[in-house]
PDB file of all heavy atoms in Angstrom:
ATOM      1  N   CYS A   1     103.369 198.632  62.145  1.00  0.00           N
ATOM      2  CA  CYS A   1     102.605 199.021  60.957  1.00  0.00           C
ATOM      3  C   CYS A   1     101.333 198.194  60.948  1.00  0.00           C
ATOM      4  O   CYS A   1     101.376 196.985  60.687  1.00  0.00           O
ATOM      5  CB  CYS A   1     103.431 198.762  59.713  1.00  0.00           C
ATOM      6  SG  CYS A   1     102.578 199.077  58.159  1.00  0.00           S
ATOM      7  N   ALA A   2     100.210 198.827  61.251  1.00  0.00           N
ATOM      8  CA  ALA A   2      98.927 198.139  61.320  1.00  0.00           C
ATOM      9  C   ALA A   2      98.140 198.354  60.042  1.00  0.00           C
ATOM     10  O   ALA A   2      97.988 199.490  59.583  1.00  0.00           O
ATOM     11  CB  ALA A   2      98.137 198.647  62.527  1.00  0.00           C
ATOM     12  N   ALA A   3      97.644 197.276  59.471  1.00  0.00           N
ATOM     13  CA  ALA A   3      96.879 197.342  58.225  1.00  0.00           C
ATOM     14  C   ALA A   3      95.394 197.329  58.529  1.00  0.00           C
ATOM     15  O   ALA A   3      94.905 196.399  59.181  1.00  0.00           O
ATOM     16  CB  ALA A   3      97.254 196.181  57.316  1.00  0.00           C
ATOM     17  N   ALA A   4      94.684 198.334  58.058  1.00  0.00           N
ATOM     18  CA  ALA A   4      93.234 198.415  58.220  1.00  0.00           C
ATOM     19  C   ALA A   4      92.567 198.247  56.842  1.00  0.00           C
ATOM     20  O   ALA A   4      93.101 198.697  55.844  1.00  0.00           O
ATOM     21  CB  ALA A   4      92.838 199.752  58.821  1.00  0.00           C
ATOM     22  N   GLY A   5      91.410 197.562  56.841  1.00  0.00           N
ATOM     23  CA  GLY A   5      90.677 197.404  55.597  1.00  0.00           C
ATOM     24  C   GLY A   5      91.107 196.219  54.772  1.00  0.00           C
ATOM     25  O   GLY A   5      90.694 196.050  53.627  1.00  0.00           O
ATOM     26  N   ARG A   6      91.944 195.367  55.354  1.00  0.00           N
ATOM     27  CA  ARG A   6      92.437 194.203  54.630  1.00  0.00           C
ATOM     28  C   ARG A   6      91.437 193.061  54.723  1.00  0.00           C
ATOM     29  O   ARG A   6      90.872 192.809  55.786  1.00  0.00           O
ATOM     30  CB  ARG A   6      93.779 193.759  55.204  1.00  0.00           C
ATOM     31  CG  ARG A   6      94.314 192.447  54.642  1.00  0.00           C
ATOM     32  CD  ARG A   6      95.619 192.090  55.316  1.00  0.00           C
ATOM     33  NE  ARG A   6      96.711 192.951  54.869  1.00  0.00           N
ATOM     34  CZ  ARG A   6      97.855 193.083  55.535  1.00  0.00           C
ATOM     35  NH1 ARG A   6      98.053 192.448  56.670  1.00  0.00           N
ATOM     36  NH2 ARG A   6      98.818 193.861  55.057  1.00  0.00           N
ATOM     37  N   THR A   7      91.245 192.358  53.609  1.00  0.00           N
ATOM     38  CA  THR A   7      90.450 191.129  53.613  1.00  0.00           C
ATOM     39  C   THR A   7      91.401 189.953  53.473  1.00  0.00           C
ATOM     40  O   THR A   7      92.470 190.058  52.893  1.00  0.00           O
ATOM     41  CB  THR A   7      89.433 191.119  52.459  1.00  0.00           C
ATOM     42  OG1 THR A   7      90.130 191.238  51.219  1.00  0.00           O
ATOM     43  CG2 THR A   7      88.462 192.278  52.602  1.00  0.00           C
ATOM     44  N   GLY A   8      91.039 188.837  54.026  1.00  0.00           N
ATOM     45  CA  GLY A   8      91.934 187.685  53.973  1.00  0.00           C
ATOM     46  C   GLY A   8      92.947 187.725  55.093  1.00  0.00           C
ATOM     47  O   GLY A   8      92.955 188.628  55.931  1.00  0.00           O
ATOM     48  N   SER A   9      93.873 186.773  55.080  1.00  0.00           N
ATOM     49  CA  SER A   9      94.824 186.627  56.160  1.00  0.00           C
ATOM     50  C   SER A   9      96.211 187.027  55.721  1.00  0.00           C
ATOM     51  O   SER A   9      96.863 186.321  54.967  1.00  0.00           O
ATOM     52  CB  SER A   9      94.829 185.180  56.651  1.00  0.00           C
ATOM     53  OG  SER A   9      95.791 185.007  57.659  1.00  0.00           O
ATOM     54  N   GLY A  10      96.670 188.168  56.177  1.00  0.00           N
ATOM     55  CA  GLY A  10      98.056 188.544  55.986  1.00  0.00           C
ATOM     56  C   GLY A  10      98.381 189.017  54.585  1.00  0.00           C
ATOM     57  O   GLY A  10      97.571 188.984  53.663  1.00  0.00           O
ATOM     58  N   ASP A  11      99.640 189.475  54.419  1.00  0.00           N
ATOM     59  CA  ASP A  11     100.134 189.988  53.155  1.00  0.00           C
ATOM     60  C   ASP A  11     101.650 190.026  53.266  1.00  0.00           C
ATOM     61  O   ASP A  11     102.206 190.085  54.364  1.00  0.00           O
ATOM     62  CB  ASP A  11      99.584 191.385  52.900  1.00  0.00           C
ATOM     63  CG  ASP A  11      99.782 191.857  51.474  1.00  0.00           C
ATOM     64  OD1 ASP A  11     100.338 191.095  50.639  1.00  0.00           O
ATOM     65  OD2 ASP A  11      99.393 193.005  51.171  1.00  0.00           O
ATOM     66  N   ALA A  12     102.318 189.986  52.113  1.00  0.00           N
ATOM     67  CA  ALA A  12     103.759 190.220  52.124  1.00  0.00           C
ATOM     68  C   ALA A  12     103.999 191.692  52.453  1.00  0.00           C
ATOM     69  O   ALA A  12     103.333 192.575  51.915  1.00  0.00           O
ATOM     70  CB  ALA A  12     104.366 189.873  50.771  1.00  0.00           C
ATOM     71  N   MET A  13     104.957 191.940  53.346  1.00  0.00           N
ATOM     72  CA  MET A  13     105.211 193.292  53.843  1.00  0.00           C
ATOM     73  C   MET A  13     106.679 193.651  53.652  1.00  0.00           C
ATOM     74  O   MET A  13     107.554 192.772  53.574  1.00  0.00           O
ATOM     75  CB  MET A  13     104.863 193.388  55.329  1.00  0.00           C
ATOM     76  CG  MET A  13     103.449 193.019  55.684  1.00  0.00           C
ATOM     77  SD  MET A  13     102.248 194.212  55.098  1.00  0.00           S
ATOM     78  CE  MET A  13     102.649 195.639  56.115  1.00  0.00           C
ATOM     79  N   GLY A  14     106.940 194.929  53.638  1.00  0.00           N
ATOM     80  CA  GLY A  14     108.315 195.392  53.539  1.00  0.00           C
ATOM     81  C   GLY A  14     108.499 196.674  54.309  1.00  0.00           C
ATOM     82  O   GLY A  14     107.550 197.404  54.597  1.00  0.00           O
ATOM     83  N   TRP A  15     109.744 196.926  54.686  1.00  0.00           N
ATOM     84  CA  TRP A  15     110.144 198.198  55.284  1.00  0.00           C
ATOM     85  C   TRP A  15     111.195 198.842  54.395  1.00  0.00           C
ATOM     86  O   TRP A  15     112.182 198.199  54.023  1.00  0.00           O
ATOM     87  CB  TRP A  15     110.704 197.984  56.689  1.00  0.00           C
ATOM     88  CG  TRP A  15     109.673 197.630  57.703  1.00  0.00           C
ATOM     89  CD1 TRP A  15     109.300 196.381  58.101  1.00  0.00           C
ATOM     90  CD2 TRP A  15     108.874 198.541  58.462  1.00  0.00           C
ATOM     91  NE1 TRP A  15     108.317 196.466  59.043  1.00  0.00           N
ATOM     92  CE2 TRP A  15     108.039 197.775  59.299  1.00  0.00           C
ATOM     93  CE3 TRP A  15     108.789 199.935  58.534  1.00  0.00           C
ATOM     94  CZ2 TRP A  15     107.119 198.342  60.180  1.00  0.00           C
ATOM     95  CZ3 TRP A  15     107.886 200.507  59.415  1.00  0.00           C
ATOM     96  CH2 TRP A  15     107.066 199.719  60.216  1.00  0.00           C
ATOM     97  N   PHE A  16     110.961 200.095  54.059  1.00  0.00           N
ATOM     98  CA  PHE A  16     111.878 200.863  53.218  1.00  0.00           C
ATOM     99  C   PHE A  16     112.354 202.077  54.002  1.00  0.00           C
ATOM    100  O   PHE A  16     111.692 202.521  54.939  1.00  0.00           O
ATOM    101  CB  PHE A  16     111.167 201.336  51.942  1.00  0.00           C
ATOM    102  CG  PHE A  16     110.811 200.230  50.986  1.00  0.00           C
ATOM    103  CD1 PHE A  16     109.784 199.348  51.260  1.00  0.00           C
ATOM    104  CD2 PHE A  16     111.514 200.081  49.800  1.00  0.00           C
ATOM    105  CE1 PHE A  16     109.455 198.325  50.374  1.00  0.00           C
ATOM    106  CE2 PHE A  16     111.192 199.070  48.897  1.00  0.00           C
ATOM    107  CZ  PHE A  16     110.165 198.196  49.197  1.00  0.00           C
ATOM    108  N   ARG A  17     113.472 202.632  53.592  1.00  0.00           N
ATOM    109  CA  ARG A  17     113.904 203.891  54.199  1.00  0.00           C
ATOM    110  C   ARG A  17     114.500 204.795  53.126  1.00  0.00           C
ATOM    111  O   ARG A  17     115.027 204.322  52.109  1.00  0.00           O
ATOM    112  CB  ARG A  17     114.925 203.663  55.309  1.00  0.00           C
ATOM    113  CG  ARG A  17     116.297 203.190  54.856  1.00  0.00           C
ATOM    114  CD  ARG A  17     117.203 202.952  56.054  1.00  0.00           C
ATOM    115  NE  ARG A  17     118.508 202.446  55.667  1.00  0.00           N
ATOM    116  CZ  ARG A  17     119.429 202.015  56.523  1.00  0.00           C
ATOM    117  NH1 ARG A  17     119.169 202.035  57.839  1.00  0.00           N
ATOM    118  NH2 ARG A  17     120.598 201.575  56.091  1.00  0.00           N
ATOM    119  N   GLN A  18     114.392 206.086  53.362  1.00  0.00           N
ATOM    120  CA  GLN A  18     114.990 207.066  52.463  1.00  0.00           C
ATOM    121  C   GLN A  18     115.716 208.107  53.301  1.00  0.00           C
ATOM    122  O   GLN A  18     115.080 208.851  54.063  1.00  0.00           O
ATOM    123  CB  GLN A  18     113.949 207.718  51.560  1.00  0.00           C
ATOM    124  CG  GLN A  18     114.557 208.623  50.507  1.00  0.00           C
ATOM    125  CD  GLN A  18     113.593 208.968  49.404  1.00  0.00           C
ATOM    126  OE1 GLN A  18     112.380 208.901  49.554  1.00  0.00           O
ATOM    127  NE2 GLN A  18     114.133 209.351  48.239  1.00  0.00           N
ATOM    128  N   ALA A  19     117.018 208.126  53.177  1.00  0.00           N
ATOM    129  CA  ALA A  19     117.843 209.109  53.872  1.00  0.00           C
ATOM    130  C   ALA A  19     117.976 210.355  52.997  1.00  0.00           C
ATOM    131  O   ALA A  19     117.801 210.285  51.777  1.00  0.00           O
ATOM    132  CB  ALA A  19     119.220 208.516  54.165  1.00  0.00           C
ATOM    133  N   PRO A  20     118.293 211.498  53.605  1.00  0.00           N
ATOM    134  CA  PRO A  20     118.442 212.731  52.822  1.00  0.00           C
ATOM    135  C   PRO A  20     119.444 212.572  51.689  1.00  0.00           C
ATOM    136  O   PRO A  20     120.565 212.107  51.892  1.00  0.00           O
ATOM    137  CB  PRO A  20     118.950 213.733  53.870  1.00  0.00           C
ATOM    138  CG  PRO A  20     118.444 213.219  55.162  1.00  0.00           C
ATOM    139  CD  PRO A  20     118.484 211.727  55.044  1.00  0.00           C
ATOM    140  N   GLY A  21     119.028 212.937  50.478  1.00  0.00           N
ATOM    141  CA  GLY A  21     119.910 212.879  49.333  1.00  0.00           C
ATOM    142  C   GLY A  21     120.141 211.500  48.757  1.00  0.00           C
ATOM    143  O   GLY A  21     120.959 211.322  47.854  1.00  0.00           O
ATOM    144  N   LYS A  22     119.425 210.497  49.286  1.00  0.00           N
ATOM    145  CA  LYS A  22     119.619 209.127  48.801  1.00  0.00           C
ATOM    146  C   LYS A  22     118.315 208.555  48.277  1.00  0.00           C
ATOM    147  O   LYS A  22     117.234 209.043  48.590  1.00  0.00           O
ATOM    148  CB  LYS A  22     120.160 208.240  49.925  1.00  0.00           C
ATOM    149  CG  LYS A  22     121.551 208.622  50.404  1.00  0.00           C
ATOM    150  CD  LYS A  22     122.085 207.619  51.389  1.00  0.00           C
ATOM    151  CE  LYS A  22     123.504 207.967  51.807  1.00  0.00           C
ATOM    152  NZ  LYS A  22     124.044 206.968  52.774  1.00  0.00           N
ATOM    153  N   GLU A  23     118.439 207.488  47.492  1.00  0.00           N
ATOM    154  CA  GLU A  23     117.255 206.812  46.980  1.00  0.00           C
ATOM    155  C   GLU A  23     116.624 205.947  48.073  1.00  0.00           C
ATOM    156  O   GLU A  23     117.297 205.514  49.012  1.00  0.00           O
ATOM    157  CB  GLU A  23     117.630 205.946  45.779  1.00  0.00           C
ATOM    158  CG  GLU A  23     118.082 206.750  44.575  1.00  0.00           C
ATOM    159  CD  GLU A  23     118.300 205.871  43.350  1.00  0.00           C
ATOM    160  OE1 GLU A  23     118.191 204.640  43.474  1.00  0.00           O
ATOM    161  OE2 GLU A  23     118.606 206.438  42.285  1.00  0.00           O
ATOM    162  N   ARG A  24     115.353 205.686  47.911  1.00  0.00           N
ATOM    163  CA  ARG A  24     114.665 204.805  48.844  1.00  0.00           C
ATOM    164  C   ARG A  24     115.163 203.388  48.642  1.00  0.00           C
ATOM    165  O   ARG A  24     115.339 202.922  47.519  1.00  0.00           O
ATOM    166  CB  ARG A  24     113.160 204.883  48.610  1.00  0.00           C
ATOM    167  CG  ARG A  24     112.348 204.137  49.645  1.00  0.00           C
ATOM    168  CD  ARG A  24     110.899 204.576  49.640  1.00  0.00           C
ATOM    169  NE  ARG A  24     110.246 204.345  48.371  1.00  0.00           N
ATOM    170  CZ  ARG A  24     109.005 204.751  48.102  1.00  0.00           C
ATOM    171  NH1 ARG A  24     108.324 205.425  48.999  1.00  0.00           N
ATOM    172  NH2 ARG A  24     108.481 204.502  46.927  1.00  0.00           N
ATOM    173  N   GLU A  25     115.405 202.689  49.749  1.00  0.00           N
ATOM    174  CA  GLU A  25     115.903 201.319  49.686  1.00  0.00           C
ATOM    175  C   GLU A  25     115.064 200.418  50.580  1.00  0.00           C
ATOM    176  O   GLU A  25     114.539 200.840  51.607  1.00  0.00           O
ATOM    177  CB  GLU A  25     117.373 201.261  50.139  1.00  0.00           C
ATOM    178  CG  GLU A  25     117.599 201.660  51.579  1.00  0.00           C
ATOM    179  CD  GLU A  25     118.988 201.363  52.101  1.00  0.00           C
ATOM    180  OE1 GLU A  25     119.681 200.494  51.531  1.00  0.00           O
ATOM    181  OE2 GLU A  25     119.383 201.996  53.098  1.00  0.00           O
ATOM    182  N   CYS A  26     114.993 199.156  50.176  1.00  0.00           N
ATOM    183  CA  CYS A  26     114.316 198.145  50.977  1.00  0.00           C
ATOM    184  C   CYS A  26     115.288 197.633  52.026  1.00  0.00           C
ATOM    185  O   CYS A  26     116.363 197.134  51.688  1.00  0.00           O
ATOM    186  CB  CYS A  26     113.837 197.000  50.094  1.00  0.00           C
ATOM    187  SG  CYS A  26     112.991 195.688  50.998  1.00  0.00           S
ATOM    188  N   VAL A  27     114.947 197.775  53.294  1.00  0.00           N
ATOM    189  CA  VAL A  27     115.832 197.280  54.348  1.00  0.00           C
ATOM    190  C   VAL A  27     115.410 195.904  54.851  1.00  0.00           C
ATOM    191  O   VAL A  27     116.243 195.143  55.341  1.00  0.00           O
ATOM    192  CB  VAL A  27     115.948 198.254  55.534  1.00  0.00           C
ATOM    193  CG1 VAL A  27     116.596 199.560  55.103  1.00  0.00           C
ATOM    194  CG2 VAL A  27     114.595 198.522  56.166  1.00  0.00           C
ATOM    195  N   ALA A  28     114.114 195.575  54.719  1.00  0.00           N
ATOM    196  CA  ALA A  28     113.656 194.274  55.175  1.00  0.00           C
ATOM    197  C   ALA A  28     112.330 193.927  54.502  1.00  0.00           C
ATOM    198  O   ALA A  28     111.550 194.832  54.179  1.00  0.00           O
ATOM    199  CB  ALA A  28     113.484 194.252  56.693  1.00  0.00           C
ATOM    200  N   ALA A  29     112.103 192.653  54.294  1.00  0.00           N
ATOM    201  CA  ALA A  29     110.855 192.206  53.684  1.00  0.00           C
ATOM    202  C   ALA A  29     110.502 190.829  54.228  1.00  0.00           C
ATOM    203  O   ALA A  29     111.389 190.072  54.658  1.00  0.00           O
ATOM    204  CB  ALA A  29     110.977 192.167  52.159  1.00  0.00           C
ATOM    205  N   ILE A  30     109.203 190.504  54.193  1.00  0.00           N
ATOM    206  CA  ILE A  30     108.753 189.224  54.739  1.00  0.00           C
ATOM    207  C   ILE A  30     107.621 188.695  53.882  1.00  0.00           C
ATOM    208  O   ILE A  30     106.796 189.449  53.361  1.00  0.00           O
ATOM    209  CB  ILE A  30     108.321 189.385  56.211  1.00  0.00           C
ATOM    210  CG1 ILE A  30     108.062 188.037  56.864  1.00  0.00           C
ATOM    211  CG2 ILE A  30     107.111 190.304  56.329  1.00  0.00           C
ATOM    212  CD1 ILE A  30     107.944 188.120  58.392  1.00  0.00           C
ATOM    213  N   SER A  31     107.576 187.389  53.709  1.00  0.00           N
ATOM    214  CA  SER A  31     106.528 186.766  52.911  1.00  0.00           C
ATOM    215  C   SER A  31     105.206 186.740  53.673  1.00  0.00           C
ATOM    216  O   SER A  31     105.162 186.939  54.890  1.00  0.00           O
ATOM    217  CB  SER A  31     106.935 185.339  52.549  1.00  0.00           C
ATOM    218  OG  SER A  31     107.064 184.549  53.723  1.00  0.00           O
ATOM    219  N   ARG A  32     104.134 186.487  52.975  1.00  0.00           N
ATOM    220  CA  ARG A  32     102.816 186.436  53.607  1.00  0.00           C
ATOM    221  C   ARG A  32     102.754 185.349  54.680  1.00  0.00           C
ATOM    222  O   ARG A  32     102.111 185.530  55.709  1.00  0.00           O
ATOM    223  CB  ARG A  32     101.740 186.213  52.543  1.00  0.00           C
ATOM    224  CG  ARG A  32     100.317 186.136  53.077  1.00  0.00           C
ATOM    225  CD  ARG A  32      99.302 186.499  51.997  1.00  0.00           C
ATOM    226  NE  ARG A  32      99.385 185.622  50.828  1.00  0.00           N
ATOM    227  CZ  ARG A  32      98.669 184.510  50.687  1.00  0.00           C
ATOM    228  NH1 ARG A  32      97.860 184.129  51.649  1.00  0.00           N
ATOM    229  NH2 ARG A  32      98.778 183.779  49.593  1.00  0.00           N
ATOM    230  N   SER A  33     103.440 184.244  54.438  1.00  0.00           N
ATOM    231  CA  SER A  33     103.458 183.160  55.424  1.00  0.00           C
ATOM    232  C   SER A  33     104.298 183.515  56.647  1.00  0.00           C
ATOM    233  O   SER A  33     104.163 182.878  57.701  1.00  0.00           O
ATOM    234  CB  SER A  33     104.022 181.886  54.778  1.00  0.00           C
ATOM    235  OG  SER A  33     105.407 182.052  54.492  1.00  0.00           O
ATOM    236  N   GLY A  34     105.171 184.494  56.506  1.00  0.00           N
ATOM    237  CA  GLY A  34     106.104 184.824  57.591  1.00  0.00           C
ATOM    238  C   GLY A  34     107.330 183.938  57.614  1.00  0.00           C
ATOM    239  O   GLY A  34     108.242 184.149  58.412  1.00  0.00           O
ATOM    240  N   GLY A  35     107.375 182.957  56.709  1.00  0.00           N
ATOM    241  CA  GLY A  35     108.459 181.993  56.749  1.00  0.00           C
ATOM    242  C   GLY A  35     109.710 182.404  56.006  1.00  0.00           C
ATOM    243  O   GLY A  35     110.778 181.812  56.212  1.00  0.00           O
ATOM    244  N   ASN A  36     109.619 183.378  55.143  1.00  0.00           N
ATOM    245  CA  ASN A  36     110.779 183.835  54.376  1.00  0.00           C
ATOM    246  C   ASN A  36     110.983 185.324  54.594  1.00  0.00           C
ATOM    247  O   ASN A  36     110.036 186.105  54.496  1.00  0.00           O
ATOM    248  CB  ASN A  36     110.582 183.558  52.887  1.00  0.00           C
ATOM    249  CG  ASN A  36     110.589 182.069  52.590  1.00  0.00           C
ATOM    250  OD1 ASN A  36     111.476 181.348  53.012  1.00  0.00           O
ATOM    251  ND2 ASN A  36     109.579 181.613  51.887  1.00  0.00           N
ATOM    252  N   THR A  37     112.221 185.704  54.891  1.00  0.00           N
ATOM    253  CA  THR A  37     112.526 187.105  55.149  1.00  0.00           C
ATOM    254  C   THR A  37     113.778 187.529  54.402  1.00  0.00           C
ATOM    255  O   THR A  37     114.614 186.694  54.031  1.00  0.00           O
ATOM    256  CB  THR A  37     112.739 187.389  56.649  1.00  0.00           C
ATOM    257  OG1 THR A  37     113.837 186.592  57.121  1.00  0.00           O
ATOM    258  CG2 THR A  37     111.493 187.055  57.451  1.00  0.00           C
ATOM    259  N   PHE A  38     113.895 188.825  54.202  1.00  0.00           N
ATOM    260  CA  PHE A  38     115.057 189.453  53.584  1.00  0.00           C
ATOM    261  C   PHE A  38     115.522 190.597  54.480  1.00  0.00           C
ATOM    262  O   PHE A  38     114.692 191.326  55.033  1.00  0.00           O
ATOM    263  CB  PHE A  38     114.699 189.993  52.201  1.00  0.00           C
ATOM    264  CG  PHE A  38     115.664 191.033  51.694  1.00  0.00           C
ATOM    265  CD1 PHE A  38     116.862 190.663  51.124  1.00  0.00           C
ATOM    266  CD2 PHE A  38     115.377 192.388  51.806  1.00  0.00           C
ATOM    267  CE1 PHE A  38     117.769 191.610  50.672  1.00  0.00           C
ATOM    268  CE2 PHE A  38     116.261 193.351  51.356  1.00  0.00           C
ATOM    269  CZ  PHE A  38     117.457 192.956  50.781  1.00  0.00           C
ATOM    270  N   SER A  39     116.841 190.729  54.620  1.00  0.00           N
ATOM    271  CA  SER A  39     117.419 191.894  55.289  1.00  0.00           C
ATOM    272  C   SER A  39     118.553 192.425  54.427  1.00  0.00           C
ATOM    273  O   SER A  39     119.380 191.655  53.955  1.00  0.00           O
ATOM    274  CB  SER A  39     117.986 191.518  56.663  1.00  0.00           C
ATOM    275  OG  SER A  39     116.970 191.116  57.547  1.00  0.00           O
ATOM    276  N   ALA A  40     118.591 193.736  54.237  1.00  0.00           N
ATOM    277  CA  ALA A  40     119.684 194.340  53.476  1.00  0.00           C
ATOM    278  C   ALA A  40     120.997 194.141  54.221  1.00  0.00           C
ATOM    279  O   ALA A  40     121.015 194.059  55.461  1.00  0.00           O
ATOM    280  CB  ALA A  40     119.406 195.835  53.282  1.00  0.00           C
ATOM    281  N   ASP A  41     122.078 194.054  53.472  1.00  0.00           N
ATOM    282  CA  ASP A  41     123.397 193.848  54.093  1.00  0.00           C
ATOM    283  C   ASP A  41     123.707 194.922  55.129  1.00  0.00           C
ATOM    284  O   ASP A  41     124.348 194.651  56.141  1.00  0.00           O
ATOM    285  CB  ASP A  41     124.479 193.846  53.010  1.00  0.00           C
ATOM    286  CG  ASP A  41     124.457 192.591  52.165  1.00  0.00           C
ATOM    287  OD1 ASP A  41     123.827 191.595  52.589  1.00  0.00           O
ATOM    288  OD2 ASP A  41     125.053 192.599  51.079  1.00  0.00           O
ATOM    289  N   SER A  42     123.235 196.149  54.883  1.00  0.00           N
ATOM    290  CA  SER A  42     123.548 197.262  55.781  1.00  0.00           C
ATOM    291  C   SER A  42     122.883 197.131  57.146  1.00  0.00           C
ATOM    292  O   SER A  42     123.299 197.798  58.100  1.00  0.00           O
ATOM    293  CB  SER A  42     123.122 198.583  55.130  1.00  0.00           C
ATOM    294  OG  SER A  42     121.742 198.573  54.824  1.00  0.00           O
ATOM    295  N   VAL A  43     121.873 196.279  57.269  1.00  0.00           N
ATOM    296  CA  VAL A  43     121.159 196.152  58.545  1.00  0.00           C
ATOM    297  C   VAL A  43     121.149 194.723  59.069  1.00  0.00           C
ATOM    298  O   VAL A  43     120.599 194.472  60.151  1.00  0.00           O
ATOM    299  CB  VAL A  43     119.709 196.663  58.434  1.00  0.00           C
ATOM    300  CG1 VAL A  43     119.684 198.100  57.918  1.00  0.00           C
ATOM    301  CG2 VAL A  43     118.863 195.755  57.540  1.00  0.00           C
ATOM    302  N   LYS A  44     121.737 193.817  58.324  1.00  0.00           N
ATOM    303  CA  LYS A  44     121.678 192.405  58.693  1.00  0.00           C
ATOM    304  C   LYS A  44     122.283 192.181  60.077  1.00  0.00           C
ATOM    305  O   LYS A  44     123.339 192.718  60.405  1.00  0.00           O
ATOM    306  CB  LYS A  44     122.409 191.570  57.654  1.00  0.00           C
ATOM    307  CG  LYS A  44     122.133 190.084  57.704  1.00  0.00           C
ATOM    308  CD  LYS A  44     122.561 189.397  56.413  1.00  0.00           C
ATOM    309  CE  LYS A  44     121.703 189.828  55.250  1.00  0.00           C
ATOM    310  NZ  LYS A  44     122.015 189.100  53.999  1.00  0.00           N
TER     311      LYS A  44
END
């Protein structure tokens, strides 16, 4: 996922998914520093 048009260095990012008939869920997220991350139990 490449970000264009961003000013400054980095940003907190996340990955979400939506399966048919289901709500969108966050599967992974990362802080702007890159030092803190989250993974959903289903993908850990």
